C-alpha cells in the first residue's frame, strides 16, 4: 500500500526528489537566448553610436588640394579630413601638378591656391574646367582682392574662400560647391558686384580669352622677371618663339614694355601684386 505523502515513482522506477523550477537543458536554452539578445542589443547600440555600416554610408566628396606651401596644405587637409563626408585624395604643390593629379586621381572637387609657381590657381582652374567639366573648383587664397575674385569666377571657380577664415568657411564652401551653389566670403558680395558693374559701365572690362594659354604662360614668366632664354628653357621652346610671343603680347594688349606687361599680369591675377 502506497503512502499518499510520497510522490509517484517515475517511469524509470525512481522518485523525483525535489523538482527544480527548470531543467539544466531549459536553463542552457535560456542562457543562449539571453546571450543572443545581449549581442543584438550590443550591435544595435554600436550601430546607433557609430552610424550605419560602411556599405550604406554615402560616398565621400573626393578633394584635390593644391597649394605651394606644405604647411598650409597640411592645415587645410586637417580641416577637411576631420569631416565625415570630405576626403583629400590628392595633393599638389603648384598648378601644373594639380592638372597632372586630376588626370590620375578621381576627384569631385579641386581646392586651389591662387598664387602658385609654374601655373597659378587661375590658370589651372581654366585647364581643369576644360579637362574635367564635372569637377567643381574652389579658390582658397589669402588675397581679399576683387580682381582675383572675378578672374577666379571667369576661370570656372564656383567659390572663393579666404585662408584667414578657412576654418570657418571652407567646409561649408565645399558642400555648397557640390550642390552647385556659389560661395563667396561674407561681407564682400555687394561691394564687389557694385564695383564690377561700375567697371563694365565705364568700359574697363576687356573681352575674355584675349590671350592664348601659351601667351599667358609667357606673360607670367616675363612679369616674374625671367629672361627670354630662361623662358625658352622652362617652356621647352626656342628663344625666337619666346620673342615672337612677347611681341604679340605687346601688340594685342596695346602695351609698350616689360613694366606694362607686369602691371597687366597683376591685374589679370597671373602674379601677386
C-alpha atoms as a PDB file:
ATOM      1  CA  UNK A   1       0.000   0.000   0.000  1.00  0.00           C
ATOM      2  CA  UNK A   2       1.463   3.290  -1.104  1.00  0.00           C
ATOM      3  CA  UNK A   3       1.938   6.222   1.137  1.00  0.00           C
ATOM      4  CA  UNK A   4      -0.035   9.192  -0.276  1.00  0.00           C
ATOM      5  CA  UNK A   5       2.572  11.598   1.146  1.00  0.00           C
ATOM      6  CA  UNK A   6       5.269  10.239  -1.211  1.00  0.00           C
ATOM      7  CA  UNK A   7       5.477  11.176  -4.895  1.00  0.00           C
ATOM      8  CA  UNK A   8       4.560   8.680  -7.533  1.00  0.00           C
ATOM      9  CA  UNK A   9       7.522   6.759  -8.907  1.00  0.00           C
ATOM     10  CA  UNK A  10       8.926   7.967 -12.270  1.00  0.00           C
ATOM     11  CA  UNK A  11       8.838   5.833 -15.369  1.00  0.00           C
ATOM     12  CA  UNK A  12      12.356   4.653 -14.567  1.00  0.00           C
ATOM     13  CA  UNK A  13      11.198   3.413 -11.213  1.00  0.00           C
ATOM     14  CA  UNK A  14      12.931   6.251  -9.259  1.00  0.00           C
ATOM     15  CA  UNK A  15      11.331   9.037  -7.333  1.00  0.00           C
ATOM     16  CA  UNK A  16      11.861  12.770  -8.440  1.00  0.00           C
ATOM     17  CA  UNK A  17      13.019  14.143  -5.155  1.00  0.00           C
ATOM     18  CA  UNK A  18      12.854  17.981  -5.202  1.00  0.00           C
ATOM     19  CA  UNK A  19      11.973  19.091  -8.761  1.00  0.00           C
ATOM     20  CA  UNK A  20      13.778  22.322  -9.701  1.00  0.00           C
ATOM     21  CA  UNK A  21      11.983  25.243 -11.363  1.00  0.00           C
ATOM     22  CA  UNK A  22      13.688  24.433 -14.662  1.00  0.00           C
ATOM     23  CA  UNK A  23      15.824  21.636 -16.015  1.00  0.00           C
ATOM     24  CA  UNK A  24      19.507  22.083 -16.954  1.00  0.00           C
ATOM     25  CA  UNK A  25      18.543  21.911 -20.640  1.00  0.00           C
ATOM     26  CA  UNK A  26      15.977  24.663 -20.333  1.00  0.00           C
ATOM     27  CA  UNK A  27      18.471  26.757 -18.316  1.00  0.00           C
ATOM     28  CA  UNK A  28      21.033  26.349 -21.104  1.00  0.00           C
ATOM     29  CA  UNK A  29      18.468  27.406 -23.681  1.00  0.00           C
ATOM     30  CA  UNK A  30      17.524  30.429 -21.619  1.00  0.00           C
ATOM     31  CA  UNK A  31      21.192  31.410 -21.279  1.00  0.00           C
ATOM     32  CA  UNK A  32      21.695  31.104 -25.018  1.00  0.00           C
ATOM     33  CA  UNK A  33      18.627  33.207 -25.715  1.00  0.00           C
ATOM     34  CA  UNK A  34      19.827  35.790 -23.218  1.00  0.00           C
ATOM     35  CA  UNK A  35      23.264  35.908 -24.855  1.00  0.00           C
ATOM     36  CA  UNK A  36      21.711  36.308 -28.310  1.00  0.00           C
ATOM     37  CA  UNK A  37      19.515  39.104 -27.023  1.00  0.00           C
ATOM     38  CA  UNK A  38      22.516  40.810 -25.410  1.00  0.00           C
ATOM     39  CA  UNK A  39      24.524  40.502 -28.636  1.00  0.00           C
ATOM     40  CA  UNK A  40      21.659  42.027 -30.616  1.00  0.00           C
ATOM     41  CA  UNK A  41      21.364  44.853 -28.123  1.00  0.00           C
ATOM     42  CA  UNK A  42      25.106  45.488 -28.286  1.00  0.00           C
ATOM     43  CA  UNK A  43      25.001  45.531 -32.083  1.00  0.00           C
ATOM     44  CA  UNK A  44      22.089  47.943 -32.037  1.00  0.00           C
ATOM     45  CA  UNK A  45      23.886  50.186 -29.580  1.00  0.00           C
ATOM     46  CA  UNK A  46      27.049  50.091 -31.701  1.00  0.00           C
ATOM     47  CA  UNK A  47      25.116  50.936 -34.873  1.00  0.00           C
ATOM     48  CA  UNK A  48      23.405  53.778 -33.058  1.00  0.00           C
ATOM     49  CA  UNK A  49      26.648  55.152 -31.678  1.00  0.00           C
ATOM     50  CA  UNK A  50      28.793  54.876 -34.783  1.00  0.00           C
ATOM     51  CA  UNK A  51      26.263  55.250 -37.573  1.00  0.00           C
ATOM     52  CA  UNK A  52      25.252  52.858 -40.364  1.00  0.00           C
ATOM     53  CA  UNK A  53      27.597  50.301 -41.800  1.00  0.00           C
ATOM     54  CA  UNK A  54      30.148  51.272 -44.413  1.00  0.00           C
ATOM     55  CA  UNK A  55      28.089  49.656 -47.149  1.00  0.00           C
ATOM     56  CA  UNK A  56      25.179  52.024 -46.562  1.00  0.00           C
ATOM     57  CA  UNK A  57      27.275  55.156 -45.838  1.00  0.00           C
ATOM     58  CA  UNK A  58      27.122  57.874 -48.512  1.00  0.00           C
ATOM     59  CA  UNK A  59      30.181  58.337 -50.731  1.00  0.00           C
ATOM     60  CA  UNK A  60      32.661  60.951 -49.553  1.00  0.00           C
ATOM     61  CA  UNK A  61      33.448  64.089 -51.535  1.00  0.00           C
ATOM     62  CA  UNK A  62      36.886  63.452 -53.047  1.00  0.00           C
ATOM     63  CA  UNK A  63      39.094  66.551 -52.961  1.00  0.00           C
ATOM     64  CA  UNK A  64      42.212  67.562 -54.880  1.00  0.00           C
ATOM     65  CA  UNK A  65      44.166  70.127 -52.830  1.00  0.00           C
ATOM     66  CA  UNK A  66      46.790  72.410 -54.413  1.00  0.00           C
ATOM     67  CA  UNK A  67      48.983  74.913 -52.547  1.00  0.00           C
ATOM     68  CA  UNK A  68      52.703  75.585 -52.879  1.00  0.00           C
ATOM     69  CA  UNK A  69      53.189  75.726 -49.083  1.00  0.00           C
ATOM     70  CA  UNK A  70      53.334  72.266 -47.495  1.00  0.00           C
ATOM     71  CA  UNK A  71      52.440  73.635 -44.061  1.00  0.00           C
ATOM     72  CA  UNK A  72      49.298  75.289 -45.435  1.00  0.00           C
ATOM     73  CA  UNK A  73      48.314  72.083 -47.231  1.00  0.00           C
ATOM     74  CA  UNK A  74      48.705  70.134 -44.002  1.00  0.00           C
ATOM     75  CA  UNK A  75      46.485  72.538 -42.085  1.00  0.00           C
ATOM     76  CA  UNK A  76      43.814  72.610 -44.783  1.00  0.00           C
ATOM     77  CA  UNK A  77      43.865  68.830 -45.006  1.00  0.00           C
ATOM     78  CA  UNK A  78      43.257  68.562 -41.261  1.00  0.00           C
ATOM     79  CA  UNK A  79      40.210  70.812 -41.617  1.00  0.00           C
ATOM     80  CA  UNK A  80      38.793  68.734 -44.473  1.00  0.00           C
ATOM     81  CA  UNK A  81      39.655  65.193 -43.382  1.00  0.00           C
ATOM     82  CA  UNK A  82      38.039  65.572 -39.978  1.00  0.00           C
ATOM     83  CA  UNK A  83      34.649  65.890 -41.710  1.00  0.00           C
ATOM     84  CA  UNK A  84      32.858  62.562 -42.306  1.00  0.00           C
ATOM     85  CA  UNK A  85      31.785  63.498 -45.850  1.00  0.00           C
ATOM     86  CA  UNK A  86      35.071  65.011 -47.076  1.00  0.00           C
ATOM     87  CA  UNK A  87      38.337  63.306 -48.040  1.00  0.00           C
ATOM     88  CA  UNK A  88      41.524  64.695 -49.588  1.00  0.00           C
ATOM     89  CA  UNK A  89      42.609  62.131 -52.199  1.00  0.00           C
ATOM     90  CA  UNK A  90      45.484  64.052 -53.826  1.00  0.00           C
ATOM     91  CA  UNK A  91      47.816  66.984 -53.087  1.00  0.00           C
ATOM     92  CA  UNK A  92      49.768  69.224 -55.458  1.00  0.00           C
ATOM     93  CA  UNK A  93      52.429  71.886 -54.954  1.00  0.00           C
ATOM     94  CA  UNK A  94      51.556  74.033 -57.984  1.00  0.00           C
ATOM     95  CA  UNK A  95      49.006  74.449 -60.763  1.00  0.00           C
ATOM     96  CA  UNK A  96      50.750  72.197 -63.269  1.00  0.00           C
ATOM     97  CA  UNK A  97      50.986  69.369 -60.738  1.00  0.00           C
ATOM     98  CA  UNK A  98      47.316  69.856 -59.899  1.00  0.00           C
ATOM     99  CA  UNK A  99      46.430  69.199 -63.541  1.00  0.00           C
ATOM    100  CA  UNK A 100      48.584  66.050 -63.546  1.00  0.00           C
ATOM    101  CA  UNK A 101      46.907  64.865 -60.344  1.00  0.00           C
ATOM    102  CA  UNK A 102      43.460  65.447 -61.856  1.00  0.00           C
ATOM    103  CA  UNK A 103      44.407  63.090 -64.693  1.00  0.00           C
ATOM    104  CA  UNK A 104      45.492  60.273 -62.375  1.00  0.00           C
ATOM    105  CA  UNK A 105      43.059  60.665 -59.452  1.00  0.00           C
ATOM    106  CA  UNK A 106      39.282  60.646 -59.359  1.00  0.00           C
ATOM    107  CA  UNK A 107      38.248  63.883 -57.650  1.00  0.00           C
ATOM    108  CA  UNK A 108      34.905  65.649 -57.274  1.00  0.00           C
ATOM    109  CA  UNK A 109      36.291  68.989 -56.117  1.00  0.00           C
ATOM    110  CA  UNK A 110      39.551  70.924 -56.548  1.00  0.00           C
ATOM    111  CA  UNK A 111      40.636  73.420 -53.880  1.00  0.00           C
ATOM    112  CA  UNK A 112      43.295  75.659 -55.441  1.00  0.00           C
ATOM    113  CA  UNK A 113      45.515  78.400 -54.087  1.00  0.00           C
ATOM    114  CA  UNK A 114      45.728  81.380 -56.469  1.00  0.00           C
ATOM    115  CA  UNK A 115      49.416  82.336 -56.254  1.00  0.00           C
ATOM    116  CA  UNK A 116      51.477  79.267 -57.213  1.00  0.00           C
ATOM    117  CA  UNK A 117      54.602  78.706 -59.354  1.00  0.00           C
ATOM    118  CA  UNK A 118      54.566  77.308 -62.901  1.00  0.00           C
ATOM    119  CA  UNK A 119      50.794  77.656 -63.278  1.00  0.00           C
ATOM    120  CA  UNK A 120      48.688  79.821 -60.973  1.00  0.00           C
ATOM    121  CA  UNK A 121      45.457  78.563 -59.491  1.00  0.00           C
ATOM    122  CA  UNK A 122      43.600  80.725 -62.030  1.00  0.00           C
ATOM    123  CA  UNK A 123      45.412  79.150 -64.962  1.00  0.00           C
ATOM    124  CA  UNK A 124      44.981  75.679 -63.516  1.00  0.00           C
ATOM    125  CA  UNK A 125      41.270  76.316 -62.972  1.00  0.00           C
ATOM    126  CA  UNK A 126      40.779  77.122 -66.657  1.00  0.00           C
ATOM    127  CA  UNK A 127      42.594  73.974 -67.753  1.00  0.00           C
ATOM    128  CA  UNK A 128      40.800  71.797 -65.194  1.00  0.00           C
ATOM    129  CA  UNK A 129      37.419  73.158 -66.271  1.00  0.00           C
ATOM    130  CA  UNK A 130      38.212  72.070 -69.844  1.00  0.00           C
ATOM    131  CA  UNK A 131      39.834  68.773 -68.850  1.00  0.00           C
ATOM    132  CA  UNK A 132      37.222  67.702 -66.266  1.00  0.00           C
ATOM    133  CA  UNK A 133      33.918  69.517 -66.924  1.00  0.00           C
ATOM    134  CA  UNK A 134      32.251  67.846 -63.944  1.00  0.00           C
ATOM    135  CA  UNK A 135      34.980  68.889 -61.494  1.00  0.00           C
ATOM    136  CA  UNK A 136      33.944  71.658 -59.093  1.00  0.00           C
ATOM    137  CA  UNK A 137      36.607  74.246 -58.300  1.00  0.00           C
ATOM    138  CA  UNK A 138      37.147  76.410 -55.214  1.00  0.00           C
ATOM    139  CA  UNK A 139      39.798  79.091 -54.874  1.00  0.00           C
ATOM    140  CA  UNK A 140      41.462  79.290 -51.445  1.00  0.00           C
ATOM    141  CA  UNK A 141      43.552  82.431 -51.083  1.00  0.00           C
ATOM    142  CA  UNK A 142      44.991  84.994 -48.705  1.00  0.00           C
ATOM    143  CA  UNK A 143      44.002  87.800 -51.092  1.00  0.00           C
ATOM    144  CA  UNK A 144      40.885  89.793 -50.270  1.00  0.00           C
ATOM    145  CA  UNK A 145      41.073  91.187 -53.780  1.00  0.00           C
ATOM    146  CA  UNK A 146      38.175  91.861 -56.138  1.00  0.00           C
ATOM    147  CA  UNK A 147      40.270  91.443 -59.263  1.00  0.00           C
ATOM    148  CA  UNK A 148      41.318  87.959 -58.185  1.00  0.00           C
ATOM    149  CA  UNK A 149      37.725  87.156 -57.293  1.00  0.00           C
ATOM    150  CA  UNK A 150      36.334  87.982 -60.722  1.00  0.00           C
ATOM    151  CA  UNK A 151      39.223  86.329 -62.527  1.00  0.00           C
ATOM    152  CA  UNK A 152      38.546  83.205 -60.440  1.00  0.00           C
ATOM    153  CA  UNK A 153      34.872  83.176 -61.381  1.00  0.00           C
ATOM    154  CA  UNK A 154      35.747  83.689 -65.048  1.00  0.00           C
ATOM    155  CA  UNK A 155      38.188  80.797 -64.803  1.00  0.00           C
ATOM    156  CA  UNK A 156      35.414  78.415 -63.794  1.00  0.00           C
ATOM    157  CA  UNK A 157      35.620  78.527 -60.000  1.00  0.00           C
ATOM    158  CA  UNK A 158      32.326  78.293 -58.128  1.00  0.00           C
ATOM    159  CA  UNK A 159      33.639  79.733 -54.874  1.00  0.00           C
ATOM    160  CA  UNK A 160      36.265  81.980 -53.303  1.00  0.00           C
ATOM    161  CA  UNK A 161      37.410  81.346 -49.725  1.00  0.00           C
ATOM    162  CA  UNK A 162      39.863  83.421 -47.685  1.00  0.00           C
ATOM    163  CA  UNK A 163      42.579  81.478 -45.861  1.00  0.00           C
ATOM    164  CA  UNK A 164      42.151  83.719 -42.824  1.00  0.00           C
ATOM    165  CA  UNK A 165      38.704  82.204 -42.207  1.00  0.00           C
ATOM    166  CA  UNK A 166      39.235  78.786 -43.796  1.00  0.00           C
ATOM    167  CA  UNK A 167      38.466  77.008 -40.525  1.00  0.00           C
ATOM    168  CA  UNK A 168      35.056  78.695 -40.564  1.00  0.00           C
ATOM    169  CA  UNK A 169      34.135  78.790 -44.257  1.00  0.00           C
ATOM    170  CA  UNK A 170      35.981  76.081 -46.165  1.00  0.00           C
ATOM    171  CA  UNK A 171      33.846  73.082 -45.210  1.00  0.00           C
ATOM    172  CA  UNK A 172      30.625  74.977 -45.972  1.00  0.00           C
ATOM    173  CA  UNK A 173      32.106  76.121 -49.297  1.00  0.00           C
ATOM    174  CA  UNK A 174      32.973  72.530 -50.276  1.00  0.00           C
ATOM    175  CA  UNK A 175      29.455  71.339 -49.575  1.00  0.00           C
ATOM    176  CA  UNK A 176      27.942  74.337 -51.390  1.00  0.00           C
ATOM    177  CA  UNK A 177      30.113  73.599 -54.434  1.00  0.00           C
ATOM    178  CA  UNK A 178      28.839  70.031 -54.586  1.00  0.00           C
ATOM    179  CA  UNK A 179      25.274  71.399 -54.529  1.00  0.00           C
ATOM    180  CA  UNK A 180      26.195  73.634 -57.491  1.00  0.00           C
ATOM    181  CA  UNK A 181      25.830  76.712 -55.310  1.00  0.00           C
ATOM    182  CA  UNK A 182      28.336  79.612 -55.448  1.00  0.00           C
ATOM    183  CA  UNK A 183      30.213  80.536 -52.285  1.00  0.00           C
ATOM    184  CA  UNK A 184      31.705  83.980 -51.643  1.00  0.00           C
ATOM    185  CA  UNK A 185      33.210  85.151 -48.391  1.00  0.00           C
ATOM    186  CA  UNK A 186      30.767  87.117 -46.227  1.00  0.00           C
ATOM    187  CA  UNK A 187      30.563  90.880 -46.494  1.00  0.00           C
ATOM    188  CA  UNK A 188      32.133  91.151 -49.955  1.00  0.00           C
ATOM    189  CA  UNK A 189      29.316  90.327 -52.333  1.00  0.00           C
ATOM    190  CA  UNK A 190      27.506  93.673 -52.504  1.00  0.00           C
ATOM    191  CA  UNK A 191      30.640  95.795 -52.782  1.00  0.00           C
ATOM    192  CA  UNK A 192      32.257  93.528 -55.371  1.00  0.00           C
ATOM    193  CA  UNK A 193      29.203  93.342 -57.601  1.00  0.00           C
ATOM    194  CA  UNK A 194      28.720  97.116 -57.440  1.00  0.00           C
ATOM    195  CA  UNK A 195      32.364  97.710 -58.287  1.00  0.00           C
ATOM    196  CA  UNK A 196      32.280  95.191 -61.122  1.00  0.00           C
ATOM    197  CA  UNK A 197      29.168  96.760 -62.664  1.00  0.00           C
ATOM    198  CA  UNK A 198      30.780 100.196 -62.412  1.00  0.00           C
ATOM    199  CA  UNK A 199      33.779  98.967 -64.362  1.00  0.00           C
ATOM    200  CA  UNK A 200      31.560  97.403 -67.015  1.00  0.00           C
ATOM    201  CA  UNK A 201      29.615 100.665 -67.430  1.00  0.00           C
ATOM    202  CA  UNK A 202      32.888 102.562 -67.871  1.00  0.00           C
ATOM    203  CA  UNK A 203      34.182 100.056 -70.403  1.00  0.00           C
ATOM    204  CA  UNK A 204      37.077  98.899 -68.255  1.00  0.00           C
ATOM    205  CA  UNK A 205      36.408  95.192 -68.686  1.00  0.00           C
ATOM    206  CA  UNK A 206      38.394  93.625 -71.528  1.00  0.00           C
ATOM    207  CA  UNK A 207      36.970  90.755 -73.523  1.00  0.00           C
ATOM    208  CA  UNK A 208      37.589  87.261 -72.168  1.00  0.00           C
ATOM    209  CA  UNK A 209      40.233  84.919 -73.584  1.00  0.00           C
ATOM    210  CA  UNK A 210      42.118  87.709 -75.383  1.00  0.00           C
ATOM    211  CA  UNK A 211      45.329  85.735 -74.861  1.00  0.00           C
ATOM    212  CA  UNK A 212      46.093  82.135 -75.774  1.00  0.00           C
ATOM    213  CA  UNK A 213      47.178  79.768 -72.970  1.00  0.00           C
ATOM    214  CA  UNK A 214      50.775  79.828 -74.271  1.00  0.00           C
ATOM    215  CA  UNK A 215      50.777  83.644 -74.341  1.00  0.00           C
ATOM    216  CA  UNK A 216      49.563  83.661 -70.747  1.00  0.00           C
ATOM    217  CA  UNK A 217      52.421  81.357 -69.750  1.00  0.00           C
ATOM    218  CA  UNK A 218      54.948  83.633 -71.432  1.00  0.00           C
ATOM    219  CA  UNK A 219      53.353  86.730 -69.912  1.00  0.00           C
ATOM    220  CA  UNK A 220      53.519  85.253 -66.396  1.00  0.00           C
ATOM    221  CA  UNK A 221      57.177  84.356 -66.764  1.00  0.00           C
ATOM    222  CA  UNK A 222      58.064  87.736 -68.290  1.00  0.00           C
ATOM    223  CA  UNK A 223      56.299  89.504 -65.415  1.00  0.00           C
ATOM    224  CA  UNK A 224      58.204  87.346 -62.910  1.00  0.00           C
ATOM    225  CA  UNK A 225      61.455  88.691 -64.358  1.00  0.00           C
ATOM    226  CA  UNK A 226      62.673  85.711 -66.380  1.00  0.00           C
ATOM    227  CA  UNK A 227      64.849  86.331 -69.418  1.00  0.00           C
ATOM    228  CA  UNK A 228      63.906  85.074 -72.885  1.00  0.00           C
ATOM    229  CA  UNK A 229      66.496  82.302 -72.544  1.00  0.00           C
ATOM    230  CA  UNK A 230      65.093  81.183 -69.178  1.00  0.00           C
ATOM    231  CA  UNK A 231      61.526  81.224 -70.511  1.00  0.00           C
ATOM    232  CA  UNK A 232      62.610  79.148 -73.509  1.00  0.00           C
ATOM    233  CA  UNK A 233      64.167  76.551 -71.189  1.00  0.00           C
ATOM    234  CA  UNK A 234      61.147  76.438 -68.857  1.00  0.00           C
ATOM    235  CA  UNK A 235      58.596  76.047 -71.676  1.00  0.00           C
ATOM    236  CA  UNK A 236      60.834  73.915 -73.962  1.00  0.00           C
ATOM    237  CA  UNK A 237      60.536  76.335 -76.862  1.00  0.00           C
ATOM    238  CA  UNK A 238      63.080  78.378 -78.806  1.00  0.00           C
ATOM    239  CA  UNK A 239      64.216  81.875 -77.831  1.00  0.00           C
ATOM    240  CA  UNK A 240      62.835  83.189 -81.136  1.00  0.00           C
ATOM    241  CA  UNK A 241      59.416  81.733 -80.256  1.00  0.00           C
ATOM    242  CA  UNK A 242      59.532  83.461 -76.872  1.00  0.00           C
ATOM    243  CA  UNK A 243      60.384  86.761 -78.523  1.00  0.00           C
ATOM    244  CA  UNK A 244      57.546  86.317 -81.014  1.00  0.00           C
ATOM    245  CA  UNK A 245      55.067  85.648 -78.191  1.00  0.00           C
ATOM    246  CA  UNK A 246      56.312  88.697 -76.347  1.00  0.00           C
ATOM    247  CA  UNK A 247      55.860  90.894 -79.417  1.00  0.00           C
ATOM    248  CA  UNK A 248      52.338  89.516 -79.901  1.00  0.00           C
ATOM    249  CA  UNK A 249      51.526  90.281 -76.269  1.00  0.00           C
ATOM    250  CA  UNK A 250      52.593  93.891 -76.601  1.00  0.00           C
ATOM    251  CA  UNK A 251      50.587  94.299 -79.798  1.00  0.00           C
ATOM    252  CA  UNK A 252      47.424  92.547 -78.545  1.00  0.00           C
ATOM    253  CA  UNK A 253      47.355  94.410 -75.265  1.00  0.00           C
ATOM    254  CA  UNK A 254      48.458  97.757 -76.630  1.00  0.00           C
ATOM    255  CA  UNK A 255      51.411  97.889 -74.232  1.00  0.00           C
ATOM    256  CA  UNK A 256      54.938  99.184 -74.652  1.00  0.00           C
ATOM    257  CA  UNK A 257      57.383  97.342 -72.410  1.00  0.00           C
ATOM    258  CA  UNK A 258      58.032  94.749 -69.679  1.00  0.00           C
ATOM    259  CA  UNK A 259      56.833  97.099 -66.915  1.00  0.00           C
ATOM    260  CA  UNK A 260      53.419  97.494 -68.529  1.00  0.00           C
ATOM    261  CA  UNK A 261      53.256  93.741 -69.159  1.00  0.00           C
ATOM    262  CA  UNK A 262      53.955  93.199 -65.456  1.00  0.00           C
ATOM    263  CA  UNK A 263      51.181  95.582 -64.445  1.00  0.00           C
ATOM    264  CA  UNK A 264      48.759  93.809 -66.770  1.00  0.00           C
ATOM    265  CA  UNK A 265      49.788  90.414 -65.342  1.00  0.00           C
ATOM    266  CA  UNK A 266      48.992  91.680 -61.832  1.00  0.00           C
ATOM    267  CA  UNK A 267      45.550  92.960 -62.900  1.00  0.00           C
ATOM    268  CA  UNK A 268      44.855  89.647 -64.647  1.00  0.00           C
ATOM    269  CA  UNK A 269      45.757  87.696 -61.497  1.00  0.00           C
ATOM    270  CA  UNK A 270      48.754  85.927 -63.075  1.00  0.00           C
ATOM    271  CA  UNK A 271      51.205  87.136 -60.411  1.00  0.00           C
ATOM    272  CA  UNK A 272      50.884  88.612 -56.946  1.00  0.00           C
ATOM    273  CA  UNK A 273      50.868  92.413 -56.629  1.00  0.00           C
END
